[in-house]
Amino acid sequence: MIHKEQLIALLPLMVLAATIVIVMLSIAVRRHHGFNATLTVIGLNAALAAVIYVSQTLPPVSVTPLLVVDPFALFYMGLLLVTTLACTTLSHAYMEGYKGNREELYLLLALAVMGAMVLACSRHLAALFIGLELMSIPVYGMVAYTFRSGRTLEAGIKYIVLSATASAMLVFGMALVYAIGGTLSFSGLAYTYLGPEATHPVLLLGTALMLAGIAFKLSLAPFHAWTPDVYEGAPAPVGAFLATASKAAVFVAVVRLFYESGALAPTDANLLRDVLAVLAGISIIVGNLLAVAQSNIKRLLAYSSIAHFGYLLVVLVSPGARIDAIGVYLITYVVTTLGAFGVVSLMSSPFNGHDADQLHNYRGLFWRRPYLTAVMTGMMLSLAGIPVTAGFIGKFYVVDVGVRADLWVLLGLLVIGSAIGLYYYLRVMITMYLPAPGMARYDAPLDWSERAGGVMVLGVTVLMFALGMYPQPFIDLIGKAMPTILN
């Protein structure tokens, strides 16, 4: 029986579900781009208000064996909703020039974030799989939404085929783990991973298949091949959602899975920890090296994201992984990547058949749109981990955790990767300040900043510098968002 507290705990999900139904009915009654985008924004804000209300009124609540609503879940549900709000705002400006049906994109965004929120609350492998598919299936349509572009359609087909394969591997791995452990709950798996069956070949195979499926969703090397092609082909606001909300939701679910199951317990010989450490090292090197040769900004950001999740794995594999350090790095990564993709979206708005994603599109941008140049410069500096930016705080936490855990090899790779990253981030910045041959110098029109998308990008920039210069309030908030293990 569902109790009152459980219904209140589910309020953010119920508000978002109601929003999805209302937007669907609104599209069926009358197509109006601005109206349906506004409805979606109102619903996402209402769900965010519900998250705040639940966080202030309820203790951690278990909702069936599948979900738990605790400070950890509520914090990341809020982060996911804010990120989706930003992507929705960018989508409105971007889709103004699209000649086909535009309204369904907002419906797909709302459905995808619903799945992401389920992932943040999941405490059971069944809930993890349901949330993952509820998030992934709408993204298939979002990636190929502007299908009249051959590149976009190609990206959608690649993503659906490879993602379906990864999902099959994940669910087969879950079945093998269940065959040995007899349970799918995260906390119940602790008896499996910490008991006498921990080295059973079937359990190891199942864990390996699950890890491969998760590594695909996080685009960790060597499961990363889809990432640059999909990011390049997807509409810029969809690329922003993929790089931020989608990946953050999966990583949050993985953190709770490993935290509750004890799969990464600091034992003398933990094979899973060693495999994750190898994945971290490969992701850092491969992501940074392949980004160096890119002349497409979306592909560059795709390879950059591979490297950044390699940095995050350094924290995850450290004995007694610090949840606060993971939270700090995730929020700095999401804010910074959202700002970078936001500039690409605004440069590509309204949609005219292709995105402004080539590096030469940004040559001399300072002389045309100085404010967008300032935003992109800040985001590149933050991705590089330069002091006074959010990225510096995130990398500082990773290095601190690595030093305490004596992960010197991974820290060495982090330093090398960061040095390589500095090169291609600086290349983007320098390009924006180089005037094109024969180009007259003129200031940018200010009408872009009056759009909601421009205001949002400026707000993200302010938040990024606030995180870099005065991070303590955010650190305190993240410190309170710890996973809760409930029976």
Protein backbone atom coordinates (compact mmCIF):
# COMPACT_ATOMS: atom_id res chain seq x y z
CA MET A 1 0.00 0.00 0.00
CA ILE A 2 1.29 3.48 -0.91
CA HIS A 3 1.37 5.78 2.11
CA LYS A 4 0.94 9.55 2.19
CA GLU A 5 4.69 10.13 2.68
CA GLN A 6 5.45 8.04 -0.40
CA LEU A 7 3.00 10.01 -2.51
CA ILE A 8 4.58 13.27 -1.37
CA ALA A 9 8.03 11.84 -2.12
CA LEU A 10 6.89 11.04 -5.66
CA LEU A 11 5.48 14.56 -6.16
CA PRO A 12 8.27 15.75 -8.52
CA LEU A 13 7.78 12.71 -10.76
CA MET A 14 3.99 13.08 -10.69
CA VAL A 15 4.18 16.78 -11.58
CA LEU A 16 6.48 15.99 -14.47
CA ALA A 17 4.20 13.15 -15.63
CA ALA A 18 1.25 15.56 -15.58
CA THR A 19 3.29 18.03 -17.61
CA ILE A 20 4.00 15.36 -20.23
CA VAL A 21 0.29 14.54 -20.55
CA ILE A 22 -0.70 18.21 -20.76
CA VAL A 23 1.90 19.00 -23.42
CA MET A 24 0.83 15.91 -25.39
CA LEU A 25 -2.83 17.02 -25.31
CA SER A 26 -1.88 20.58 -26.17
CA ILE A 27 0.02 19.41 -29.26
CA ALA A 28 -2.97 17.25 -30.28
CA VAL A 29 -5.41 20.17 -29.92
CA ARG A 30 -3.37 22.90 -31.59
CA ARG A 31 0.21 23.21 -32.73
CA HIS A 32 1.89 26.35 -31.44
CA HIS A 33 5.64 26.35 -30.94
CA GLY A 34 5.90 29.11 -28.35
CA PHE A 35 2.86 27.96 -26.33
CA ASN A 36 3.98 24.35 -26.03
CA ALA A 37 7.55 25.37 -25.19
CA THR A 38 6.16 27.63 -22.46
CA LEU A 39 3.97 24.83 -21.10
CA THR A 40 7.03 22.58 -20.87
CA VAL A 41 9.06 25.25 -19.07
CA ILE A 42 6.21 25.84 -16.60
CA GLY A 43 5.95 22.11 -15.91
CA LEU A 44 9.69 21.72 -15.39
CA ASN A 45 9.68 24.68 -12.98
CA ALA A 46 6.74 23.16 -11.11
CA ALA A 47 8.62 19.86 -10.80
CA LEU A 48 11.67 21.77 -9.53
CA ALA A 49 9.49 23.52 -6.94
CA ALA A 50 8.19 20.09 -5.88
CA VAL A 51 11.77 18.86 -5.43
CA ILE A 52 12.51 21.82 -3.14
CA TYR A 53 9.28 21.24 -1.19
CA VAL A 54 9.96 17.51 -0.68
CA SER A 55 13.56 18.18 0.37
CA GLN A 56 12.37 20.51 3.13
CA THR A 57 9.47 18.45 4.45
CA LEU A 58 10.32 14.75 4.26
CA PRO A 59 13.04 12.46 5.62
CA PRO A 60 14.40 9.77 3.26
CA VAL A 61 11.50 7.65 2.01
CA SER A 62 11.55 4.23 0.35
CA VAL A 63 8.90 4.01 -2.38
CA THR A 64 8.48 0.29 -3.06
CA PRO A 65 11.71 -1.75 -3.29
CA LEU A 66 12.56 0.06 -6.53
CA LEU A 67 12.98 3.71 -5.59
CA VAL A 68 14.30 5.81 -2.73
CA VAL A 69 13.77 9.55 -2.36
CA ASP A 70 16.54 10.93 -0.17
CA PRO A 71 18.74 14.07 -0.20
CA PHE A 72 21.03 12.44 -2.78
CA ALA A 73 18.16 11.74 -5.20
CA LEU A 74 16.54 15.14 -4.62
CA PHE A 75 19.76 17.06 -5.21
CA TYR A 76 20.41 15.36 -8.52
CA MET A 77 16.76 15.53 -9.58
CA GLY A 78 17.03 19.27 -9.10
CA LEU A 79 20.26 19.40 -11.11
CA LEU A 80 18.68 17.37 -13.93
CA LEU A 81 15.58 19.57 -14.03
CA VAL A 82 17.64 22.78 -14.15
CA THR A 83 19.78 21.32 -16.94
CA THR A 84 16.69 20.31 -18.93
CA LEU A 85 15.21 23.77 -18.42
CA ALA A 86 18.35 25.25 -19.97
CA CYS A 87 18.18 22.80 -22.91
CA THR A 88 14.48 23.60 -23.43
CA THR A 89 15.27 27.32 -23.49
CA LEU A 90 18.01 26.76 -26.05
CA SER A 91 15.69 24.55 -28.11
CA HIS A 92 13.09 27.30 -28.47
CA ALA A 93 15.50 29.69 -30.17
CA TYR A 94 17.08 26.88 -32.18
CA MET A 95 13.83 25.39 -33.53
CA GLU A 96 12.34 28.71 -34.67
CA GLY A 97 13.77 28.17 -38.14
CA TYR A 98 12.87 24.50 -38.45
CA LYS A 99 10.32 23.86 -41.22
CA GLY A 100 8.78 20.67 -39.81
CA ASN A 101 6.85 19.94 -36.62
CA ARG A 102 8.69 21.52 -33.71
CA GLU A 103 6.52 20.85 -30.69
CA GLU A 104 7.30 17.15 -30.14
CA LEU A 105 10.89 18.00 -29.21
CA TYR A 106 9.69 19.42 -25.88
CA LEU A 107 7.60 16.32 -25.22
CA LEU A 108 10.65 14.13 -25.82
CA LEU A 109 12.77 16.32 -23.54
CA ALA A 110 10.25 15.98 -20.72
CA LEU A 111 10.07 12.20 -21.19
CA ALA A 112 13.86 11.92 -21.20
CA VAL A 113 14.27 13.87 -17.97
CA MET A 114 11.57 11.72 -16.40
CA GLY A 115 13.79 8.70 -17.05
CA ALA A 116 16.81 10.58 -15.74
CA MET A 117 14.96 11.36 -12.49
CA VAL A 118 14.00 7.70 -12.10
CA LEU A 119 17.70 6.86 -12.45
CA ALA A 120 18.55 9.31 -9.68
CA CYS A 121 16.04 7.59 -7.36
CA SER A 122 16.75 3.98 -8.33
CA ARG A 123 17.87 1.49 -5.68
CA HIS A 124 17.13 -1.64 -7.69
CA LEU A 125 18.56 -2.95 -10.97
CA ALA A 126 15.05 -3.15 -12.45
CA ALA A 127 14.45 0.53 -11.69
CA LEU A 128 17.88 1.37 -13.10
CA PHE A 129 17.04 -0.37 -16.37
CA ILE A 130 13.56 1.16 -16.60
CA GLY A 131 14.93 4.65 -15.95
CA LEU A 132 17.74 4.15 -18.42
CA GLU A 133 15.40 3.07 -21.21
CA LEU A 134 12.82 5.75 -20.39
CA MET A 135 15.61 8.28 -20.81
CA SER A 136 17.29 6.70 -23.84
CA ILE A 137 14.28 6.00 -26.09
CA PRO A 138 13.16 9.67 -26.33
CA VAL A 139 16.79 10.65 -26.96
CA TYR A 140 16.79 8.44 -30.08
CA GLY A 141 14.08 10.66 -31.53
CA MET A 142 15.73 13.86 -30.31
CA VAL A 143 19.06 13.03 -31.95
CA ALA A 144 17.40 12.44 -35.34
CA TYR A 145 14.76 15.16 -34.92
CA THR A 146 15.97 17.37 -37.77
CA PHE A 147 16.04 14.27 -39.97
CA ARG A 148 16.11 16.19 -43.26
CA SER A 149 19.81 16.62 -42.58
CA GLY A 150 21.60 13.43 -43.60
CA ARG A 151 24.17 13.84 -40.85
CA THR A 152 21.45 14.03 -38.20
CA LEU A 153 19.65 10.95 -39.49
CA GLU A 154 22.92 9.03 -39.59
CA ALA A 155 23.63 10.02 -35.96
CA GLY A 156 20.19 8.84 -34.89
CA ILE A 157 20.57 5.45 -36.56
CA LYS A 158 24.05 4.94 -35.09
CA TYR A 159 22.86 5.85 -31.62
CA ILE A 160 19.77 3.64 -31.64
CA VAL A 161 21.66 0.56 -32.90
CA LEU A 162 24.62 0.90 -30.55
CA SER A 163 22.54 1.97 -27.57
CA ALA A 164 20.18 -0.98 -28.04
CA THR A 165 23.19 -3.30 -28.11
CA ALA A 166 24.53 -1.76 -24.89
CA SER A 167 21.11 -2.10 -23.23
CA ALA A 168 20.96 -5.78 -24.21
CA MET A 169 24.39 -6.35 -22.67
CA LEU A 170 23.31 -4.53 -19.53
CA VAL A 171 20.11 -6.51 -19.00
CA PHE A 172 21.86 -9.83 -19.76
CA GLY A 173 24.51 -8.93 -17.19
CA MET A 174 21.76 -8.19 -14.66
CA ALA A 175 20.26 -11.61 -15.33
CA LEU A 176 23.58 -13.34 -14.64
CA VAL A 177 24.12 -11.34 -11.44
CA TYR A 178 20.59 -12.28 -10.32
CA ALA A 179 21.32 -15.95 -11.06
CA ILE A 180 24.11 -15.89 -8.48
CA GLY A 181 22.85 -13.36 -5.94
CA GLY A 182 19.10 -14.04 -6.08
CA THR A 183 18.32 -10.32 -5.73
CA LEU A 184 18.32 -7.17 -7.84
CA SER A 185 18.29 -4.59 -5.04
CA PHE A 186 21.48 -2.56 -4.64
CA SER A 187 21.76 -3.23 -0.91
CA GLY A 188 20.92 -6.92 -1.37
CA LEU A 189 23.81 -7.29 -3.80
CA ALA A 190 26.19 -6.47 -0.94
CA TYR A 191 25.75 -10.07 0.28
CA THR A 192 26.79 -11.23 -3.18
CA TYR A 193 29.80 -8.99 -3.80
CA LEU A 194 31.10 -9.26 -0.23
CA GLY A 195 30.29 -12.92 0.31
CA PRO A 196 31.79 -16.24 -0.72
CA GLU A 197 30.31 -15.98 -4.25
CA ALA A 198 32.27 -12.79 -5.01
CA THR A 199 34.66 -14.60 -7.36
CA HIS A 200 32.09 -16.83 -9.06
CA PRO A 201 32.74 -16.85 -12.85
CA VAL A 202 29.08 -16.21 -13.70
CA LEU A 203 28.97 -13.23 -11.34
CA LEU A 204 32.17 -11.83 -12.86
CA LEU A 205 30.77 -12.26 -16.38
CA GLY A 206 27.50 -10.60 -15.43
CA THR A 207 29.32 -7.69 -13.80
CA ALA A 208 31.53 -7.34 -16.89
CA LEU A 209 28.49 -7.16 -19.19
CA MET A 210 26.80 -4.60 -16.93
CA LEU A 211 29.98 -2.55 -16.85
CA ALA A 212 30.22 -2.62 -20.65
CA GLY A 213 26.64 -1.36 -20.99
CA ILE A 214 27.21 1.41 -18.44
CA ALA A 215 30.55 2.37 -20.04
CA PHE A 216 28.75 2.79 -23.37
CA LYS A 217 26.15 5.11 -21.83
CA LEU A 218 28.96 7.15 -20.23
CA SER A 219 31.06 6.93 -23.46
CA LEU A 220 34.11 5.67 -21.61
CA ALA A 221 36.96 4.47 -23.83
CA PRO A 222 37.03 1.98 -25.51
CA PHE A 223 33.21 2.16 -25.66
CA HIS A 224 33.28 5.74 -26.94
CA ALA A 225 33.20 5.39 -30.75
CA TRP A 226 29.57 6.56 -31.06
CA THR A 227 30.05 9.77 -29.10
CA PRO A 228 31.69 12.21 -31.59
CA ASP A 229 29.44 11.14 -34.49
CA VAL A 230 26.25 11.42 -32.45
CA TYR A 231 27.23 14.76 -30.88
CA GLU A 232 28.14 16.14 -34.30
CA GLY A 233 24.92 15.00 -35.96
CA ALA A 234 22.49 15.82 -33.14
CA PRO A 235 20.90 19.29 -32.95
CA ALA A 236 23.00 21.48 -30.67
CA PRO A 237 20.47 21.65 -27.76
CA VAL A 238 20.08 17.86 -27.92
CA GLY A 239 23.86 17.51 -27.82
CA ALA A 240 23.79 19.67 -24.70
CA PHE A 241 21.26 17.32 -23.06
CA LEU A 242 23.26 14.23 -24.06
CA ALA A 243 26.53 15.62 -22.71
CA THR A 244 25.08 16.86 -19.41
CA ALA A 245 21.76 15.51 -18.07
CA SER A 246 21.96 12.11 -19.77
CA LYS A 247 25.48 11.29 -18.61
CA ALA A 248 25.03 12.80 -15.15
CA ALA A 249 21.91 10.69 -14.50
CA VAL A 250 23.69 7.45 -15.44
CA PHE A 251 26.72 8.30 -13.32
CA VAL A 252 24.55 9.15 -10.31
CA ALA A 253 22.80 5.77 -10.58
CA VAL A 254 26.17 4.02 -10.84
CA VAL A 255 27.45 5.84 -7.75
CA ARG A 256 24.47 4.64 -5.70
CA LEU A 257 24.81 1.10 -7.11
CA PHE A 258 28.47 0.81 -6.10
CA TYR A 259 27.90 2.63 -2.80
CA GLU A 260 25.10 0.33 -1.62
CA SER A 261 26.28 -2.96 -3.14
CA GLY A 262 29.84 -2.76 -1.86
CA ALA A 263 31.10 -3.78 -5.31
CA LEU A 264 34.02 -1.35 -4.89
CA ALA A 265 34.78 -2.28 -1.28
CA PRO A 266 38.47 -1.60 -0.44
CA THR A 267 39.62 -5.21 -0.43
CA ASP A 268 43.12 -6.43 -1.26
CA ALA A 269 42.13 -7.72 -4.71
CA ASN A 270 39.10 -5.93 -6.15
CA LEU A 271 38.99 -6.78 -9.85
CA LEU A 272 36.17 -4.31 -10.60
CA ARG A 273 38.17 -1.46 -9.08
CA ASP A 274 41.18 -2.38 -11.20
CA VAL A 275 39.08 -2.54 -14.38
CA LEU A 276 37.53 0.86 -13.66
CA ALA A 277 40.99 2.31 -13.03
CA VAL A 278 42.11 1.04 -16.45
CA LEU A 279 38.98 2.52 -18.07
CA ALA A 280 39.72 5.83 -16.35
CA GLY A 281 43.29 5.93 -17.65
CA ILE A 282 42.31 4.97 -21.20
CA SER A 283 39.46 7.50 -21.26
CA ILE A 284 41.71 10.34 -20.08
CA ILE A 285 44.38 9.68 -22.70
CA VAL A 286 42.13 8.73 -25.63
CA GLY A 287 39.67 11.58 -25.02
CA ASN A 288 42.37 14.24 -24.88
CA LEU A 289 44.53 12.91 -27.71
CA LEU A 290 41.64 12.54 -30.16
CA ALA A 291 40.31 16.01 -29.29
CA VAL A 292 43.57 17.63 -30.42
CA ALA A 293 42.93 16.94 -34.12
CA GLN A 294 39.30 18.12 -34.16
CA SER A 295 38.15 21.13 -36.17
CA ASN A 296 34.49 20.56 -35.22
CA ILE A 297 33.59 22.05 -31.84
CA LYS A 298 30.87 19.50 -31.09
CA ARG A 299 33.26 16.63 -31.78
CA LEU A 300 35.88 18.38 -29.65
CA LEU A 301 33.40 18.66 -26.76
CA ALA A 302 32.49 14.99 -27.26
CA TYR A 303 36.08 13.82 -26.85
CA SER A 304 36.49 16.28 -23.98
CA SER A 305 33.52 14.66 -22.19
CA ILE A 306 35.19 11.26 -22.53
CA ALA A 307 38.25 12.62 -20.74
CA HIS A 308 36.20 14.34 -18.03
CA PHE A 309 34.35 11.16 -17.11
CA GLY A 310 37.75 9.50 -16.94
CA TYR A 311 38.66 12.11 -14.32
CA LEU A 312 35.43 11.28 -12.46
CA LEU A 313 36.32 7.60 -12.39
CA VAL A 314 39.52 8.50 -10.52
CA VAL A 315 37.31 9.54 -7.60
CA LEU A 316 35.05 6.52 -7.95
CA VAL A 317 37.89 3.97 -7.79
CA SER A 318 39.60 5.54 -4.78
CA PRO A 319 39.06 3.53 -1.57
CA GLY A 320 36.15 5.04 0.33
CA ALA A 321 35.10 7.08 -2.72
CA ARG A 322 34.04 10.55 -1.62
CA ILE A 323 30.50 11.25 -2.76
CA ASP A 324 31.01 14.99 -2.20
CA ALA A 325 33.97 15.10 -4.60
CA ILE A 326 31.91 13.32 -7.26
CA GLY A 327 29.10 15.83 -6.75
CA VAL A 328 31.42 18.83 -7.00
CA TYR A 329 32.98 17.57 -10.23
CA LEU A 330 29.62 16.63 -11.75
CA ILE A 331 28.07 20.03 -11.12
CA THR A 332 31.12 21.90 -12.44
CA TYR A 333 31.19 19.69 -15.55
CA VAL A 334 27.45 20.10 -16.20
CA VAL A 335 27.52 23.89 -15.80
CA THR A 336 30.58 24.31 -18.01
CA THR A 337 29.51 21.94 -20.78
CA LEU A 338 26.03 23.46 -20.80
CA GLY A 339 27.56 26.89 -21.35
CA ALA A 340 29.78 25.68 -24.20
CA PHE A 341 26.93 23.92 -25.99
CA GLY A 342 24.75 26.95 -25.28
CA VAL A 343 27.08 29.15 -27.34
CA VAL A 344 26.99 26.61 -30.20
CA SER A 345 23.16 26.56 -29.99
CA LEU A 346 22.87 30.34 -30.10
CA MET A 347 25.32 30.54 -32.98
CA SER A 348 23.16 27.99 -34.81
CA SER A 349 19.80 29.65 -34.03
CA PRO A 350 17.44 29.59 -35.78
CA PHE A 351 18.04 26.23 -37.43
CA ASN A 352 18.94 26.65 -41.11
CA GLY A 353 20.00 23.17 -42.16
CA HIS A 354 23.28 22.84 -40.28
CA ASP A 355 24.84 23.89 -36.99
CA ALA A 356 27.63 26.43 -36.60
CA ASP A 357 29.97 23.77 -35.25
CA GLN A 358 33.07 24.15 -37.40
CA LEU A 359 35.98 25.96 -35.81
CA HIS A 360 36.19 28.40 -38.73
CA ASN A 361 32.62 29.53 -37.95
CA TYR A 362 34.05 31.07 -34.78
CA ARG A 363 37.00 32.84 -36.38
CA GLY A 364 36.77 36.51 -35.45
CA LEU A 365 33.68 35.93 -33.28
CA PHE A 366 34.94 38.55 -30.83
CA TRP A 367 34.43 41.28 -33.42
CA ARG A 368 30.86 40.18 -34.13
CA ARG A 369 29.51 38.84 -30.84
CA PRO A 370 31.83 39.84 -28.00
CA TYR A 371 29.47 38.61 -25.29
CA LEU A 372 29.21 35.13 -26.76
CA THR A 373 32.99 35.15 -27.14
CA ALA A 374 33.37 36.01 -23.46
CA VAL A 375 31.03 33.17 -22.50
CA MET A 376 32.85 30.61 -24.66
CA THR A 377 36.24 31.81 -23.39
CA GLY A 378 35.11 31.29 -19.81
CA MET A 379 33.82 27.82 -20.59
CA MET A 380 37.03 26.77 -22.33
CA LEU A 381 39.08 28.03 -19.38
CA SER A 382 36.83 26.10 -17.00
CA LEU A 383 37.10 22.88 -19.02
CA ALA A 384 40.88 23.32 -18.91
CA GLY A 385 40.75 23.70 -15.11
CA ILE A 386 42.15 27.24 -14.91
CA PRO A 387 41.89 28.90 -11.44
CA VAL A 388 38.90 31.14 -10.66
CA THR A 389 36.66 28.90 -12.77
CA ALA A 390 34.40 26.03 -11.73
CA GLY A 391 36.58 23.50 -13.55
CA PHE A 392 39.51 24.29 -11.28
CA ILE A 393 37.49 23.43 -8.16
CA GLY A 394 36.36 20.15 -9.72
CA LYS A 395 39.89 19.09 -10.66
CA PHE A 396 41.22 20.21 -7.28
CA TYR A 397 38.82 17.77 -5.60
CA VAL A 398 39.83 14.96 -7.96
CA VAL A 399 43.53 15.55 -7.29
CA ASP A 400 42.91 15.75 -3.54
CA VAL A 401 41.10 12.39 -3.57
CA GLY A 402 43.79 10.83 -5.77
CA VAL A 403 46.62 12.01 -3.51
CA ARG A 404 44.90 10.70 -0.37
CA ALA A 405 44.34 7.33 -2.08
CA ASP A 406 47.89 7.13 -3.53
CA LEU A 407 46.57 6.78 -7.09
CA TRP A 408 49.78 8.19 -8.53
CA VAL A 409 49.54 6.56 -11.96
CA LEU A 410 46.04 7.92 -12.55
CA LEU A 411 47.09 11.33 -11.22
CA GLY A 412 50.03 11.33 -13.63
CA LEU A 413 47.65 10.57 -16.51
CA LEU A 414 45.33 13.32 -15.26
CA VAL A 415 48.18 15.86 -15.36
CA ILE A 416 49.25 14.74 -18.85
CA GLY A 417 45.64 14.79 -20.08
CA SER A 418 45.04 18.25 -18.64
CA ALA A 419 48.19 19.56 -20.35
CA ILE A 420 47.01 18.15 -23.69
CA GLY A 421 43.53 19.59 -23.09
CA LEU A 422 44.97 23.03 -22.50
CA TYR A 423 46.22 23.04 -26.10
CA TYR A 424 42.91 22.41 -27.84
CA TYR A 425 40.91 24.61 -25.48
CA LEU A 426 43.33 27.48 -26.13
CA ARG A 427 43.04 26.85 -29.86
CA VAL A 428 39.30 27.49 -29.70
CA MET A 429 39.84 30.67 -27.69
CA ILE A 430 42.54 32.05 -29.98
CA THR A 431 40.40 31.38 -33.07
CA MET A 432 37.60 33.56 -31.69
CA TYR A 433 39.93 36.56 -31.39
CA LEU A 434 41.53 36.21 -34.84
CA PRO A 435 39.91 38.55 -37.37
CA ALA A 436 39.07 36.90 -40.68
CA PRO A 437 41.00 38.30 -43.68
CA GLY A 438 39.35 41.48 -44.92
CA MET A 439 36.71 41.38 -42.20
CA ALA A 440 35.49 44.74 -40.97
CA ARG A 441 35.48 45.12 -37.21
CA TYR A 442 32.03 45.75 -35.83
CA ASP A 443 30.22 45.12 -32.58
CA ALA A 444 27.59 42.43 -32.24
CA PRO A 445 23.90 43.33 -32.15
CA LEU A 446 22.53 42.97 -28.65
CA ASP A 447 19.24 41.40 -29.63
CA TRP A 448 20.58 37.89 -28.93
CA SER A 449 20.95 38.67 -25.23
CA GLU A 450 17.27 39.61 -25.03
CA ARG A 451 16.31 36.08 -25.94
CA ALA A 452 15.76 33.61 -23.15
CA GLY A 453 18.61 31.51 -24.50
CA GLY A 454 21.08 34.39 -24.29
CA VAL A 455 20.02 35.26 -20.76
CA MET A 456 20.31 31.61 -19.75
CA VAL A 457 23.86 31.34 -21.12
CA LEU A 458 24.87 34.50 -19.27
CA GLY A 459 23.36 33.04 -16.09
CA VAL A 460 25.33 29.81 -16.56
CA THR A 461 28.51 31.87 -16.99
CA VAL A 462 27.86 33.77 -13.76
CA LEU A 463 27.22 30.46 -11.97
CA MET A 464 30.42 28.99 -13.39
CA PHE A 465 32.53 31.85 -12.02
CA ALA A 466 30.61 31.81 -8.72
CA LEU A 467 31.51 28.12 -8.35
CA GLY A 468 35.13 28.96 -9.07
CA MET A 469 35.48 31.96 -6.75
CA TYR A 470 33.15 31.10 -3.87
CA PRO A 471 32.29 27.38 -3.99
CA GLN A 472 31.61 26.86 -0.27
CA PRO A 473 27.77 27.14 -0.39
CA PHE A 474 27.65 24.61 -3.22
CA ILE A 475 30.09 22.31 -1.43
CA ASP A 476 27.98 22.46 1.74
CA LEU A 477 24.85 21.62 -0.25
CA ILE A 478 26.54 18.69 -1.98
CA GLY A 479 27.94 17.47 1.35
CA LYS A 480 24.39 17.03 2.66
CA ALA A 481 23.35 14.98 -0.40
CA MET A 482 24.55 11.55 0.68
CA PRO A 483 22.90 8.29 -0.46
CA THR A 484 20.66 6.70 2.15
CA ILE A 485 20.44 2.91 2.52
CA LEU A 486 16.91 1.90 3.53
CA ASN A 487 15.51 -1.58 3.97
